[in-house]
Amino acid sequence: MDTESTYSGYSYYSGRSRGSHRHGERSHDRHKSRGKDSRSEKSVTITAPPAEPLLGDPHVRGEQVQDDNWGETTTAVTGTSEHSLSQEDVVRITKDLEESVGLECRRYLGLTLAVVLGLLVFLTPLAFLALPHLLWPEKLQSCGTACEGLFISVAFKLLILLLAVWALFFRPPRAGLPRVFVFRALLAVLVLLFVASYWLFYGVRILDSQDENYQGIVQYAVSLVDALLFIHYLAIVLLELRQLQPCFSVFVARSTDGEARHYNLGQLSIQRAALAILERYYCDFPVHNPALLTASKSRAAKHLAGLKVYNVDGEFPEAPAEGPGNNAAAVGMVQSQSRAMIAAAARRRDTSHNELYYEEAEHERRVRKRKSRLVVAVEEAFTHIKRMQEEEQKKAPGDIMDPREAAQAIFPSMARALQKYLRTTKQQHCHSMESIQQHLAFCITNNMTPKAFLECYLTPGPTLQYSRDHWLARKWTLISEASVTSGLKDGSTFVLRCLDFGLVVTTKRIPYIQMSEEYIDPKSHKFVLRLQSETSV
């Protein structure tokens, strides 16, 4: 059983290196033709924060079954590799690097502009108050009690504005959007024009004339801070409150397996609606498993395979001489062969549903069988854990095992049954041995039952439940006929395309509901019960 608890990560990568060259040759023409077709479409990209995948590319694992023989085989890595890079691959890698650098520059450029604009806004009132003392201090009138009270008002209003701006604008970005957020850009332009107009008035009416009324200058700075607070309130209405009321019902369907969900959204642009849908997709949709689609594809290819016609009477005769009789005979032979092929294809089509029925029944039987074996193995392992815990209570404190060691001790007893079940249900690429042991140690630490441990393997969960390579470093492309900065409309359709699949989004406006009231008189519910003394015998 020691070999069953041994796992080598080299087995997957060695198998992948042997088949990567052939896979690259097969997919080169396909990617090339796909790139030509997609040039005519209007597409933009939504990217999540980058991270390095843990188990390799998911689309490669979908086409090649991962060799996760946890306890059966152990392979060693060699010093040779069959990877090769062509000139097209080098160009493609260079283009991807340039795109990633451009996205990072856009991200930091927006942050830099926001910081510069924020400093300009907060330093402007202070500059209004400080410049008279620096340029003509001898001409200024004395500041009375009311003027000093305005100083306190400016200080607290600036503090409130600072906290409000930090809470609304300086939040960690959730994603990189392909276009500028229109309302935020309009608010930035409004603030810039507003501050510039205040500076222009300040320079013409106060700096040039060297105004001696310092209390009026302080009131001028207070009015600027008040106006900035109102602009911040406008930003809250446009950026946060406007989208809260549901206006549209969107239907999201995954292109590969047809998994679908319905969501209600407010007044959003197409790109922000796409971002909201992706955030809910990772929590609501079950994980995309391309291995489940290979069985249907192989079955369809088998049923659509061509039929061969043989001449059982002997070899085909040589090509006859040209003539009207010989040509008619040749045409008749070809027609008879065509009729035979059509009849055979029709008979196979009539029996294909029986084959599908028995294949699905056999698969369900195998899944139930593997599931029962897995449940029994896990229950026995957890029973063994309870016995170990009872024994460790009697030992010295230094001899007690931690949950990680206990998980490694009982994992070999369930590894074979779990591996067979995951292979039968096509989930072997979603769970590595390390992730299973971590989950087992988590369940032991929190005193969870065997059913709680098996829930994530028996029932496919959302994408966030699995390892980070399934969702973190994923690049989405937004394809829409309308501009992505325009708002949602009734009947709008756009596609969120990923490397393996796509999400087709259809928008419907929530209808206007007309309600009426009907008054019911409370006295209409009163009735009189009259009992008759005489009854029939």
Protein backbone atom coordinates (compact mmCIF):
# COMPACT_ATOMS: atom_id res chain seq x y z
CA MET A 1 0.00 0.00 0.00
CA ASP A 2 3.08 2.24 0.18
CA THR A 3 3.08 2.63 -3.56
CA GLU A 4 -0.52 3.79 -3.45
CA SER A 5 0.39 6.74 -1.25
CA THR A 6 3.22 7.88 -3.47
CA TYR A 7 2.58 10.63 -5.96
CA SER A 8 4.90 12.15 -8.47
CA GLY A 9 4.07 15.35 -10.26
CA TYR A 10 6.45 14.36 -13.01
CA SER A 11 4.08 11.80 -14.46
CA TYR A 12 1.69 14.45 -15.73
CA TYR A 13 4.33 16.78 -17.07
CA SER A 14 6.31 13.99 -18.72
CA GLY A 15 3.17 12.80 -20.52
CA ARG A 16 2.39 16.35 -21.42
CA SER A 17 5.88 16.95 -22.85
CA ARG A 18 5.57 13.87 -25.04
CA GLY A 19 2.28 15.07 -26.50
CA SER A 20 2.75 18.83 -26.49
CA HIS A 21 4.59 18.88 -29.80
CA ARG A 22 1.91 16.88 -31.56
CA HIS A 23 -0.79 19.00 -29.92
CA GLY A 24 0.92 22.17 -31.12
CA GLU A 25 0.98 20.91 -34.69
CA ARG A 26 -2.70 19.98 -34.56
CA SER A 27 -3.84 23.25 -33.03
CA HIS A 28 -1.62 25.55 -35.13
CA ASP A 29 -3.87 25.58 -38.18
CA ARG A 30 -6.97 25.77 -36.03
CA HIS A 31 -5.74 28.85 -34.15
CA LYS A 32 -4.63 30.45 -37.36
CA SER A 33 -8.00 30.10 -39.04
CA ARG A 34 -9.77 31.19 -35.87
CA GLY A 35 -7.70 34.35 -35.76
CA LYS A 36 -8.72 35.24 -39.31
CA ASP A 37 -12.40 34.80 -38.55
CA SER A 38 -12.32 36.82 -35.34
CA ARG A 39 -10.79 39.93 -36.90
CA SER A 40 -14.15 41.08 -38.19
CA GLU A 41 -15.76 40.90 -34.73
CA LYS A 42 -15.71 43.70 -32.20
CA SER A 43 -14.02 42.20 -29.17
CA VAL A 44 -12.43 43.60 -26.06
CA THR A 45 -10.71 41.87 -23.18
CA ILE A 46 -11.42 41.61 -19.46
CA THR A 47 -8.47 40.32 -17.46
CA ALA A 48 -8.25 39.21 -13.85
CA PRO A 49 -5.11 39.79 -11.73
CA PRO A 50 -2.40 37.50 -13.16
CA ALA A 51 -1.16 34.44 -11.33
CA GLU A 52 0.83 31.38 -12.28
CA PRO A 53 -1.26 28.23 -12.87
CA LEU A 54 -0.57 25.24 -10.65
CA LEU A 55 -1.28 22.26 -12.81
CA GLY A 56 -0.70 23.55 -16.32
CA ASP A 57 -3.11 24.86 -18.91
CA PRO A 58 -6.69 23.65 -18.38
CA HIS A 59 -7.39 23.32 -22.11
CA VAL A 60 -4.49 20.91 -22.48
CA ARG A 61 -5.86 18.83 -19.64
CA GLY A 62 -9.24 18.79 -21.33
CA GLU A 63 -7.85 17.20 -24.50
CA GLN A 64 -5.29 14.96 -22.81
CA VAL A 65 -6.31 12.97 -19.75
CA GLN A 66 -4.08 13.76 -16.82
CA ASP A 67 -2.01 10.85 -15.55
CA ASP A 68 -2.83 11.09 -11.86
CA ASN A 69 -1.89 7.62 -10.71
CA TRP A 70 -1.44 8.51 -7.10
CA GLY A 71 -0.60 5.11 -5.73
CA GLU A 72 -0.03 2.93 -8.75
CA THR A 73 2.85 4.40 -10.73
CA THR A 74 5.79 6.62 -10.00
CA THR A 75 7.88 7.97 -12.82
CA ALA A 76 11.17 9.83 -12.72
CA VAL A 77 11.92 12.95 -14.68
CA THR A 78 14.64 12.78 -17.29
CA GLY A 79 16.98 15.44 -18.55
CA THR A 80 15.60 15.56 -22.09
CA SER A 81 12.57 17.37 -23.47
CA GLU A 82 10.68 17.35 -26.73
CA HIS A 83 9.43 20.93 -26.52
CA SER A 84 10.15 23.07 -29.56
CA LEU A 85 9.28 26.64 -30.45
CA SER A 86 8.62 27.85 -33.94
CA GLN A 87 8.85 31.41 -35.21
CA GLU A 88 5.07 31.79 -34.91
CA ASP A 89 5.20 30.72 -31.26
CA VAL A 90 7.89 33.30 -30.52
CA VAL A 91 5.80 36.03 -32.18
CA ARG A 92 2.70 34.97 -30.25
CA ILE A 93 4.56 34.95 -26.91
CA THR A 94 6.00 38.40 -27.65
CA LYS A 95 2.53 39.74 -28.47
CA ASP A 96 1.10 38.33 -25.23
CA LEU A 97 3.89 39.96 -23.24
CA GLU A 98 3.26 43.32 -24.94
CA GLU A 99 -0.46 43.07 -24.18
CA SER A 100 0.22 42.26 -20.51
CA VAL A 101 2.65 45.18 -20.23
CA GLY A 102 0.07 47.48 -21.84
CA LEU A 103 -2.59 46.39 -19.36
CA GLU A 104 -0.25 47.02 -16.41
CA CYS A 105 0.63 50.48 -17.78
CA ARG A 106 -3.05 51.34 -18.16
CA ARG A 107 -3.74 50.17 -14.63
CA TYR A 108 -0.97 52.25 -13.04
CA LEU A 109 -1.65 55.24 -15.29
CA GLY A 110 -5.23 55.44 -14.06
CA LEU A 111 -4.09 55.16 -10.44
CA THR A 112 -1.48 57.86 -10.97
CA LEU A 113 -3.98 60.27 -12.49
CA ALA A 114 -6.41 59.63 -9.63
CA VAL A 115 -3.71 60.35 -7.02
CA VAL A 116 -2.63 63.57 -8.79
CA LEU A 117 -6.22 64.78 -9.05
CA GLY A 118 -6.85 63.93 -5.38
CA LEU A 119 -3.78 65.87 -4.25
CA LEU A 120 -4.87 68.85 -6.34
CA VAL A 121 -8.32 68.80 -4.76
CA PHE A 122 -7.09 68.59 -1.17
CA LEU A 123 -4.23 71.06 -1.50
CA THR A 124 -6.29 73.74 -3.24
CA PRO A 125 -8.26 74.95 -0.13
CA LEU A 126 -5.07 74.95 1.92
CA ALA A 127 -3.31 76.96 -0.76
CA PHE A 128 -6.15 79.47 -0.79
CA LEU A 129 -5.63 80.01 2.95
CA ALA A 130 -1.82 80.05 2.91
CA LEU A 131 -0.98 82.21 -0.14
CA PRO A 132 -2.21 85.54 1.36
CA HIS A 133 0.02 85.02 4.42
CA LEU A 134 3.00 84.31 2.17
CA LEU A 135 2.54 87.07 -0.43
CA TRP A 136 1.07 90.12 1.38
CA PRO A 137 0.96 89.40 5.14
CA GLU A 138 1.28 93.08 6.14
CA LYS A 139 -1.92 94.10 4.30
CA LEU A 140 -4.23 91.43 5.74
CA GLN A 141 -6.89 92.32 8.22
CA SER A 142 -6.98 90.50 11.53
CA CYS A 143 -8.99 87.27 11.66
CA GLY A 144 -11.76 87.42 14.26
CA THR A 145 -13.64 84.74 16.14
CA ALA A 146 -15.91 83.90 13.23
CA CYS A 147 -12.91 83.52 10.94
CA GLU A 148 -11.16 81.16 13.36
CA GLY A 149 -14.35 79.10 13.59
CA LEU A 150 -14.26 78.72 9.82
CA PHE A 151 -10.77 77.21 10.15
CA ILE A 152 -12.23 74.42 12.28
CA SER A 153 -15.02 73.94 9.75
CA VAL A 154 -12.54 73.62 6.87
CA ALA A 155 -10.40 71.14 8.78
CA PHE A 156 -13.26 68.77 9.65
CA LYS A 157 -14.83 69.01 6.19
CA LEU A 158 -11.51 68.14 4.55
CA LEU A 159 -11.11 65.18 6.90
CA ILE A 160 -14.62 63.94 6.05
CA LEU A 161 -13.94 64.42 2.33
CA LEU A 162 -10.65 62.54 2.62
CA LEU A 163 -12.31 59.52 4.27
CA ALA A 164 -15.20 59.58 1.81
CA VAL A 165 -12.90 59.69 -1.24
CA TRP A 166 -10.77 56.88 0.17
CA ALA A 167 -13.83 54.70 0.79
CA LEU A 168 -15.37 55.28 -2.65
CA PHE A 169 -12.48 55.55 -5.09
CA PHE A 170 -9.38 53.98 -3.56
CA ARG A 171 -10.56 50.39 -3.45
CA PRO A 172 -8.57 47.44 -4.83
CA PRO A 173 -9.54 46.83 -8.46
CA ARG A 174 -11.66 43.74 -9.09
CA ALA A 175 -10.72 43.41 -12.76
CA GLY A 176 -9.25 45.27 -15.69
CA LEU A 177 -12.04 46.63 -17.88
CA PRO A 178 -11.43 47.15 -21.60
CA ARG A 179 -12.79 50.72 -21.72
CA VAL A 180 -12.91 53.70 -19.40
CA PHE A 181 -15.75 53.89 -16.91
CA VAL A 182 -17.79 56.76 -18.37
CA PHE A 183 -19.33 58.15 -15.18
CA ARG A 184 -16.02 58.11 -13.32
CA ALA A 185 -14.30 59.91 -16.19
CA LEU A 186 -17.08 62.52 -16.29
CA LEU A 187 -16.76 63.10 -12.55
CA ALA A 188 -12.99 63.49 -12.86
CA VAL A 189 -13.42 66.05 -15.66
CA LEU A 190 -16.10 67.86 -13.61
CA VAL A 191 -13.81 68.10 -10.59
CA LEU A 192 -10.91 69.28 -12.73
CA LEU A 193 -12.98 72.02 -14.38
CA PHE A 194 -14.47 73.00 -11.02
CA VAL A 195 -11.06 73.39 -9.34
CA ALA A 196 -9.65 75.21 -12.39
CA SER A 197 -12.53 77.71 -12.34
CA TYR A 198 -11.97 78.35 -8.62
CA TRP A 199 -8.27 78.92 -9.25
CA LEU A 200 -9.07 81.29 -12.11
CA PHE A 201 -11.44 83.35 -9.97
CA TYR A 202 -8.93 83.29 -7.09
CA GLY A 203 -6.14 84.52 -9.29
CA VAL A 204 -8.13 87.35 -10.87
CA ARG A 205 -10.08 88.67 -7.87
CA ILE A 206 -7.74 87.90 -4.94
CA LEU A 207 -4.13 87.47 -6.08
CA ASP A 208 -4.08 90.38 -8.54
CA SER A 209 -5.83 92.81 -6.24
CA GLN A 210 -4.22 91.46 -3.06
CA ASP A 211 -7.49 91.44 -1.16
CA GLU A 212 -7.15 92.51 2.46
CA ASN A 213 -10.36 90.85 3.73
CA TYR A 214 -8.95 87.56 5.00
CA GLN A 215 -12.32 86.41 6.39
CA GLY A 216 -13.78 86.61 2.86
CA ILE A 217 -10.88 84.50 1.57
CA VAL A 218 -11.56 81.88 4.25
CA GLN A 219 -15.26 81.82 3.33
CA TYR A 220 -14.23 81.37 -0.31
CA ALA A 221 -12.17 78.27 0.66
CA VAL A 222 -15.08 76.94 2.73
CA SER A 223 -17.42 77.26 -0.27
CA LEU A 224 -14.93 75.22 -2.35
CA VAL A 225 -14.89 72.43 0.23
CA ASP A 226 -18.71 72.44 0.41
CA ALA A 227 -18.95 72.15 -3.37
CA LEU A 228 -16.48 69.24 -3.34
CA LEU A 229 -18.64 67.44 -0.78
CA PHE A 230 -21.68 67.85 -3.02
CA ILE A 231 -19.70 66.47 -5.99
CA HIS A 232 -18.81 63.46 -3.87
CA TYR A 233 -22.51 62.95 -3.11
CA LEU A 234 -23.19 63.08 -6.85
CA ALA A 235 -20.49 60.43 -7.35
CA ILE A 236 -22.20 58.14 -4.83
CA VAL A 237 -25.51 58.50 -6.68
CA LEU A 238 -24.03 57.81 -10.12
CA LEU A 239 -21.56 55.07 -9.20
CA GLU A 240 -23.35 53.17 -6.45
CA LEU A 241 -27.05 54.00 -6.03
CA ARG A 242 -28.09 54.17 -9.69
CA GLN A 243 -27.41 50.47 -10.33
CA LEU A 244 -29.14 49.08 -7.25
CA GLN A 245 -32.68 48.96 -8.64
CA PRO A 246 -33.11 45.89 -10.91
CA CYS A 247 -34.09 46.85 -14.45
CA PHE A 248 -32.95 43.90 -16.58
CA SER A 249 -33.10 40.13 -16.37
CA VAL A 250 -30.09 38.50 -18.02
CA PHE A 251 -29.92 34.88 -19.13
CA VAL A 252 -26.41 33.42 -19.00
CA ALA A 253 -25.74 30.10 -20.76
CA ARG A 254 -22.44 28.23 -21.05
CA SER A 255 -21.74 27.31 -24.64
CA THR A 256 -20.33 23.82 -24.05
CA ASP A 257 -22.72 22.05 -21.69
CA GLY A 258 -25.70 24.46 -21.67
CA GLU A 259 -25.50 25.25 -17.95
CA ALA A 260 -27.61 28.40 -17.43
CA ARG A 261 -28.54 30.93 -14.75
CA HIS A 262 -30.76 34.02 -14.51
CA TYR A 263 -29.68 37.25 -12.83
CA ASN A 264 -31.26 40.66 -12.23
CA LEU A 265 -29.12 43.71 -12.98
CA GLY A 266 -29.62 47.47 -12.78
CA GLN A 267 -28.64 50.31 -15.07
CA LEU A 268 -25.15 49.20 -16.08
CA SER A 269 -22.96 49.47 -19.12
CA ILE A 270 -22.19 46.30 -21.07
CA GLN A 271 -18.67 45.97 -19.70
CA ARG A 272 -19.75 46.46 -16.08
CA ALA A 273 -22.64 44.02 -16.59
CA ALA A 274 -20.11 41.51 -17.94
CA LEU A 275 -17.98 42.02 -14.83
CA ALA A 276 -20.97 41.48 -12.54
CA ILE A 277 -21.89 38.30 -14.43
CA LEU A 278 -18.34 36.92 -14.16
CA GLU A 279 -18.25 37.57 -10.42
CA ARG A 280 -21.48 35.59 -10.00
CA TYR A 281 -20.36 32.92 -12.47
CA TYR A 282 -17.46 31.83 -10.25
CA CYS A 283 -19.83 31.37 -7.30
CA ASP A 284 -22.98 29.96 -8.96
CA PHE A 285 -21.94 27.86 -11.95
CA PRO A 286 -20.49 24.38 -11.44
CA VAL A 287 -16.91 23.97 -12.57
CA HIS A 288 -16.42 23.49 -16.29
CA ASN A 289 -15.30 19.94 -16.98
CA PRO A 290 -14.24 19.45 -20.63
CA ALA A 291 -13.58 15.76 -20.01
CA LEU A 292 -17.34 15.11 -19.81
CA LEU A 293 -17.75 16.35 -23.38
CA THR A 294 -15.21 13.95 -24.93
CA ALA A 295 -17.51 10.94 -24.51
CA SER A 296 -20.32 12.51 -26.53
CA LYS A 297 -17.86 13.66 -29.19
CA SER A 298 -16.36 10.18 -29.58
CA ARG A 299 -19.84 8.65 -29.76
CA ALA A 300 -20.89 11.09 -32.46
CA ALA A 301 -17.71 10.43 -34.43
CA LYS A 302 -18.32 6.71 -34.20
CA HIS A 303 -21.88 7.00 -35.51
CA LEU A 304 -20.87 9.38 -38.29
CA ALA A 305 -18.00 7.21 -39.49
CA GLY A 306 -18.16 6.28 -43.14
CA LEU A 307 -19.31 2.87 -44.33
CA LYS A 308 -17.35 0.69 -46.70
CA VAL A 309 -18.96 -1.46 -49.43
CA TYR A 310 -17.24 -4.68 -50.47
CA ASN A 311 -17.82 -6.87 -53.53
CA VAL A 312 -18.18 -10.34 -52.01
CA ASP A 313 -18.49 -12.04 -55.42
CA GLY A 314 -14.93 -11.23 -56.43
CA GLU A 315 -12.75 -8.43 -57.64
CA PHE A 316 -14.20 -5.45 -59.33
CA PRO A 317 -14.14 -5.80 -63.11
CA GLU A 318 -11.77 -3.75 -65.10
CA ALA A 319 -12.89 -0.50 -66.57
CA PRO A 320 -15.13 -1.38 -69.49
CA ALA A 321 -14.74 0.14 -72.88
CA GLU A 322 -16.68 3.27 -73.64
CA GLY A 323 -20.14 2.68 -74.92
CA PRO A 324 -23.74 3.37 -74.07
CA GLY A 325 -24.39 -0.10 -72.63
CA ASN A 326 -21.23 -0.17 -70.56
CA ASN A 327 -21.87 3.32 -69.16
CA ALA A 328 -25.38 2.36 -68.09
CA ALA A 329 -24.04 -0.73 -66.30
CA ALA A 330 -21.44 1.32 -64.43
CA VAL A 331 -24.03 3.88 -63.38
CA GLY A 332 -26.34 1.12 -62.15
CA MET A 333 -23.55 -0.43 -60.05
CA VAL A 334 -22.76 2.94 -58.43
CA GLN A 335 -26.42 3.55 -57.67
CA SER A 336 -26.80 0.11 -56.08
CA GLN A 337 -23.75 0.79 -53.87
CA SER A 338 -25.20 4.16 -52.84
CA ARG A 339 -28.54 2.57 -51.94
CA ALA A 340 -26.76 -0.09 -49.87
CA MET A 341 -24.81 2.57 -47.93
CA ILE A 342 -27.94 4.66 -47.30
CA ALA A 343 -29.83 1.59 -46.05
CA ALA A 344 -26.97 0.60 -43.72
CA ALA A 345 -26.71 4.16 -42.35
CA ALA A 346 -30.47 4.20 -41.70
CA ARG A 347 -30.30 0.90 -39.80
CA ARG A 348 -27.41 2.19 -37.70
CA ARG A 349 -29.31 5.42 -36.96
CA ASP A 350 -32.31 3.41 -35.81
CA THR A 351 -30.21 1.46 -33.31
CA SER A 352 -28.04 4.36 -32.06
CA HIS A 353 -30.50 5.34 -29.31
CA ASN A 354 -30.31 1.81 -27.91
CA GLU A 355 -26.54 2.03 -27.77
CA LEU A 356 -26.75 5.40 -26.01
CA TYR A 357 -29.28 4.04 -23.50
CA TYR A 358 -27.13 1.05 -22.58
CA GLU A 359 -23.97 3.16 -22.42
CA GLU A 360 -25.57 5.60 -19.99
CA ALA A 361 -27.04 2.77 -17.92
CA GLU A 362 -23.65 1.08 -17.72
CA HIS A 363 -21.96 4.34 -16.76
CA GLU A 364 -24.49 5.00 -14.00
CA ARG A 365 -24.00 1.48 -12.69
CA ARG A 366 -20.23 1.96 -12.58
CA VAL A 367 -20.60 5.33 -10.84
CA ARG A 368 -22.87 3.85 -8.15
CA LYS A 369 -20.46 0.97 -7.66
CA ARG A 370 -17.41 3.25 -7.33
CA LYS A 371 -19.36 5.59 -5.04
CA SER A 372 -20.36 2.80 -2.66
CA ARG A 373 -16.77 1.57 -2.45
CA LEU A 374 -15.52 5.09 -1.84
CA VAL A 375 -18.06 5.76 0.91
CA VAL A 376 -17.15 2.54 2.71
CA ALA A 377 -13.41 3.26 2.43
CA VAL A 378 -13.78 6.80 3.77
CA GLU A 379 -15.99 5.70 6.67
CA GLU A 380 -13.45 3.06 7.65
CA ALA A 381 -10.65 5.63 7.48
CA PHE A 382 -12.53 8.09 9.69
CA THR A 383 -13.34 5.27 12.13
CA HIS A 384 -9.63 4.55 12.29
CA ILE A 385 -9.01 8.24 13.00
CA LYS A 386 -11.40 8.14 15.95
CA ARG A 387 -9.59 5.12 17.37
CA MET A 388 -6.27 6.90 16.95
CA GLN A 389 -7.61 9.97 18.73
CA GLU A 390 -8.76 7.85 21.67
CA GLU A 391 -5.35 6.21 21.85
CA GLU A 392 -3.47 9.51 21.58
CA GLN A 393 -5.31 10.91 24.57
CA LYS A 394 -3.50 8.33 26.67
CA LYS A 395 -0.06 9.18 25.22
CA ALA A 396 2.37 11.87 26.22
CA PRO A 397 1.88 15.33 24.67
CA GLY A 398 4.98 14.97 22.48
CA ASP A 399 3.74 11.77 20.78
CA ILE A 400 0.43 13.20 19.47
CA MET A 401 0.14 13.53 15.66
CA ASP A 402 -1.03 16.75 14.07
CA PRO A 403 -3.92 16.69 11.54
CA ARG A 404 -1.53 16.78 8.59
CA GLU A 405 0.27 13.63 9.74
CA ALA A 406 -3.03 11.91 10.48
CA ALA A 407 -4.31 12.74 6.97
CA GLN A 408 -1.15 11.33 5.40
CA ALA A 409 -1.50 8.20 7.51
CA ILE A 410 -5.08 7.33 6.47
CA PHE A 411 -4.97 8.62 2.90
CA PRO A 412 -3.50 5.41 1.35
CA SER A 413 -6.50 3.40 2.58
CA MET A 414 -8.91 5.52 0.54
CA ALA A 415 -6.63 6.66 -2.30
CA ARG A 416 -7.41 3.81 -4.70
CA ALA A 417 -11.20 4.00 -4.28
CA LEU A 418 -11.16 7.80 -4.58
CA GLN A 419 -8.97 7.70 -7.67
CA LYS A 420 -11.20 5.19 -9.43
CA TYR A 421 -14.31 7.23 -8.62
CA LEU A 422 -12.74 10.45 -9.90
CA ARG A 423 -11.68 8.70 -13.09
CA THR A 424 -15.14 7.29 -13.63
CA THR A 425 -16.78 10.69 -13.16
CA LYS A 426 -14.05 12.49 -15.20
CA GLN A 427 -12.92 14.64 -12.27
CA GLN A 428 -9.32 13.45 -11.96
CA HIS A 429 -7.90 16.70 -13.39
CA CYS A 430 -9.79 18.83 -10.84
CA HIS A 431 -8.25 17.27 -7.72
CA SER A 432 -4.59 16.64 -7.03
CA MET A 433 -3.26 14.48 -4.26
CA GLU A 434 -1.99 17.53 -2.39
CA SER A 435 -5.39 19.26 -2.47
CA ILE A 436 -7.15 16.07 -1.30
CA GLN A 437 -4.76 15.69 1.63
CA GLN A 438 -5.23 19.34 2.58
CA HIS A 439 -9.00 18.90 2.52
CA LEU A 440 -8.71 15.73 4.59
CA ALA A 441 -6.53 17.50 7.16
CA PHE A 442 -9.06 20.37 7.27
CA CYS A 443 -11.91 17.93 7.94
CA ILE A 444 -9.92 16.17 10.68
CA THR A 445 -9.05 19.50 12.31
CA ASN A 446 -12.67 20.64 12.42
CA ASN A 447 -14.04 17.21 13.43
CA MET A 448 -16.14 16.84 10.26
CA THR A 449 -17.97 13.66 9.23
CA PRO A 450 -17.09 11.40 6.27
CA LYS A 451 -20.13 12.72 4.41
CA ALA A 452 -18.84 16.28 4.75
CA PHE A 453 -15.44 15.18 3.42
CA LEU A 454 -16.97 13.47 0.36
CA GLU A 455 -19.42 16.23 -0.53
CA CYS A 456 -16.99 18.16 -2.74
CA TYR A 457 -16.12 14.99 -4.69
CA LEU A 458 -19.60 13.51 -5.05
CA THR A 459 -21.27 16.77 -6.11
CA PRO A 460 -19.49 19.16 -8.52
CA GLY A 461 -19.23 22.53 -6.82
CA PRO A 462 -18.65 26.08 -8.05
CA THR A 463 -15.40 27.10 -9.66
CA LEU A 464 -14.01 28.86 -6.58
CA GLN A 465 -14.15 25.57 -4.68
CA TYR A 466 -11.31 24.15 -6.74
CA SER A 467 -7.66 25.10 -7.06
CA ARG A 468 -6.66 28.59 -8.13
CA ASP A 469 -5.57 27.59 -11.63
CA HIS A 470 -9.24 27.01 -12.56
CA TRP A 471 -10.23 30.63 -12.09
CA LEU A 472 -7.48 33.07 -11.11
CA ALA A 473 -5.25 33.60 -14.17
CA ARG A 474 -8.07 33.49 -16.68
CA LYS A 475 -8.45 35.95 -19.52
CA TRP A 476 -11.93 36.78 -20.78
CA THR A 477 -12.81 38.42 -24.09
CA LEU A 478 -15.99 40.48 -24.35
CA ILE A 479 -17.58 40.30 -27.82
CA SER A 480 -20.42 42.71 -28.49
CA GLU A 481 -21.92 44.38 -31.54
CA ALA A 482 -22.75 47.50 -29.52
CA SER A 483 -20.18 49.63 -27.76
CA VAL A 484 -19.18 48.19 -24.40
CA THR A 485 -19.58 51.60 -22.75
CA SER A 486 -23.24 51.85 -23.78
CA GLY A 487 -25.96 50.80 -21.36
CA LEU A 488 -27.92 47.58 -21.37
CA LYS A 489 -31.00 47.48 -23.58
CA ASP A 490 -33.86 45.11 -24.14
CA GLY A 491 -32.64 42.33 -26.43
CA SER A 492 -28.93 43.09 -26.04
CA THR A 493 -26.71 40.07 -26.60
CA PHE A 494 -22.99 39.70 -25.95
CA VAL A 495 -20.56 36.86 -25.42
CA LEU A 496 -17.89 36.39 -22.75
CA ARG A 497 -15.37 34.06 -24.34
CA CYS A 498 -12.71 32.16 -22.46
CA LEU A 499 -10.08 29.75 -23.69
CA ASP A 500 -12.26 26.63 -23.29
CA PHE A 501 -15.82 27.92 -23.57
CA GLY A 502 -18.01 30.99 -23.77
CA LEU A 503 -20.86 32.57 -21.81
CA VAL A 504 -23.72 33.78 -24.01
CA VAL A 505 -25.66 36.59 -22.31
CA THR A 506 -29.15 37.68 -23.41
CA THR A 507 -30.83 40.71 -21.85
CA LYS A 508 -34.54 41.23 -21.25
CA ARG A 509 -36.07 44.29 -19.63
CA ILE A 510 -38.17 43.67 -16.55
CA PRO A 511 -41.75 44.59 -17.57
CA TYR A 512 -43.67 47.46 -16.07
CA ILE A 513 -46.12 46.11 -13.51
CA GLN A 514 -49.50 47.76 -13.12
CA MET A 515 -51.25 47.00 -9.84
CA SER A 516 -54.80 47.94 -8.88
CA GLU A 517 -56.60 47.90 -5.60
CA GLU A 518 -59.95 46.30 -4.87
CA TYR A 519 -61.72 47.26 -1.68
CA ILE A 520 -63.68 44.58 0.14
CA ASP A 521 -66.24 45.77 2.66
CA PRO A 522 -65.63 44.05 6.01
CA LYS A 523 -69.39 43.79 6.57
CA SER A 524 -69.77 41.63 3.48
CA HIS A 525 -68.14 38.70 5.31
CA LYS A 526 -70.82 38.60 8.02
CA PHE A 527 -73.47 35.90 7.81
CA VAL A 528 -76.29 34.49 9.97
CA LEU A 529 -76.55 30.81 10.83
CA ARG A 530 -80.19 29.76 11.30
CA LEU A 531 -80.80 26.38 12.90
CA GLN A 532 -84.10 24.61 12.32
CA SER A 533 -85.59 22.73 15.26
CA GLU A 534 -87.35 20.22 13.07
CA THR A 535 -85.21 17.58 11.41
CA SER A 536 -86.22 14.83 9.01
CA VAL A 537 -86.35 11.31 10.38
